[in-house]
Amino acid sequence: MIRIVYLIVVFILIIAMSYWIYKIVNASKKDIGQKKKIQNINKHKSVVDELLQLQNLLEEGIISEKEFEKMKKKLID
């Protein structure tokens, strides 16, 4: 009788540990996916920021329209 109780307890512990390992693995995969999304967002923000800076330089007369278009094309590509 005691052996059966021990087997049940061990079985429950194995199931619980398997579940925790599963959760940890999935959480790390989710974190990696979120980090990639954040990197993509930051990349797009930096392009937009650079375009805004170029626009400011154009408006202030520091660069010409031709230079602006050339630099803009580099950023977008």
Protein backbone atom coordinates (compact mmCIF):
# COMPACT_ATOMS: atom_id res chain seq x y z
CA MET A 1 0.00 0.00 0.00
CA ILE A 2 2.79 2.43 0.90
CA ARG A 3 4.58 1.61 -2.35
CA ILE A 4 1.51 2.60 -4.33
CA VAL A 5 1.35 5.94 -2.49
CA TYR A 6 5.04 6.56 -3.20
CA LEU A 7 4.54 5.70 -6.87
CA ILE A 8 1.60 8.09 -7.11
CA VAL A 9 3.58 10.88 -5.43
CA VAL A 10 6.57 10.29 -7.74
CA PHE A 11 4.27 10.23 -10.76
CA ILE A 12 2.69 13.53 -9.73
CA LEU A 13 6.13 15.08 -9.19
CA ILE A 14 7.27 13.93 -12.64
CA ILE A 15 4.18 15.44 -14.23
CA ALA A 16 4.66 18.72 -12.33
CA MET A 17 8.33 18.95 -13.30
CA SER A 18 7.50 18.22 -16.94
CA TYR A 19 4.90 20.99 -16.90
CA TRP A 20 7.36 23.49 -15.37
CA ILE A 21 10.01 22.61 -17.95
CA TYR A 22 7.45 23.02 -20.73
CA LYS A 23 6.46 26.47 -19.40
CA ILE A 24 10.10 27.58 -19.12
CA VAL A 25 10.90 26.51 -22.68
CA ASN A 26 7.82 28.22 -24.10
CA ALA A 27 8.47 31.38 -22.10
CA SER A 28 12.00 31.64 -23.49
CA LYS A 29 10.70 31.16 -27.05
CA LYS A 30 8.13 33.87 -26.45
CA ASP A 31 10.82 36.23 -25.11
CA ILE A 32 12.96 35.67 -28.19
CA GLY A 33 10.00 36.47 -30.44
CA GLN A 34 9.24 39.64 -28.50
CA LYS A 35 12.89 40.75 -28.65
CA LYS A 36 12.88 40.34 -32.43
CA LYS A 37 9.69 42.40 -32.70
CA ILE A 38 11.22 45.16 -30.56
CA GLN A 39 14.38 45.17 -32.68
CA ASN A 40 12.29 45.52 -35.84
CA ILE A 41 10.31 48.37 -34.30
CA ASN A 42 13.51 50.12 -33.23
CA LYS A 43 14.96 49.66 -36.70
CA HIS A 44 11.91 51.29 -38.29
CA LYS A 45 11.94 54.09 -35.74
CA SER A 46 15.55 54.85 -36.52
CA VAL A 47 14.78 55.12 -40.25
CA VAL A 48 11.90 57.47 -39.54
CA ASP A 49 14.08 59.52 -37.19
CA GLU A 50 16.79 59.78 -39.85
CA LEU A 51 14.24 60.88 -42.44
CA LEU A 52 12.97 63.56 -40.08
CA GLN A 53 16.52 64.76 -39.50
CA LEU A 54 17.11 64.90 -43.25
CA GLN A 55 13.89 66.86 -43.66
CA ASN A 56 15.06 69.34 -41.03
CA LEU A 57 18.41 69.73 -42.78
CA LEU A 58 16.60 70.37 -46.05
CA GLU A 59 14.29 72.94 -44.47
CA GLU A 60 17.24 74.74 -42.88
CA GLY A 61 19.01 74.86 -46.23
CA ILE A 62 21.97 72.78 -45.08
CA ILE A 63 21.44 70.21 -47.83
CA SER A 64 19.94 70.58 -51.28
CA GLU A 65 16.84 68.86 -52.62
CA LYS A 66 19.03 66.59 -54.72
CA GLU A 67 21.11 65.55 -51.71
CA PHE A 68 17.95 64.99 -49.69
CA GLU A 69 16.48 62.68 -52.32
CA LYS A 70 19.75 60.77 -52.63
CA MET A 71 20.06 60.25 -48.86
CA LYS A 72 16.37 59.39 -48.54
CA LYS A 73 16.70 56.72 -51.20
CA LYS A 74 19.67 55.19 -49.34
CA LEU A 75 17.67 55.04 -46.11
CA ILE A 76 14.61 53.51 -47.66
CA ASP A 77 16.55 50.85 -49.56
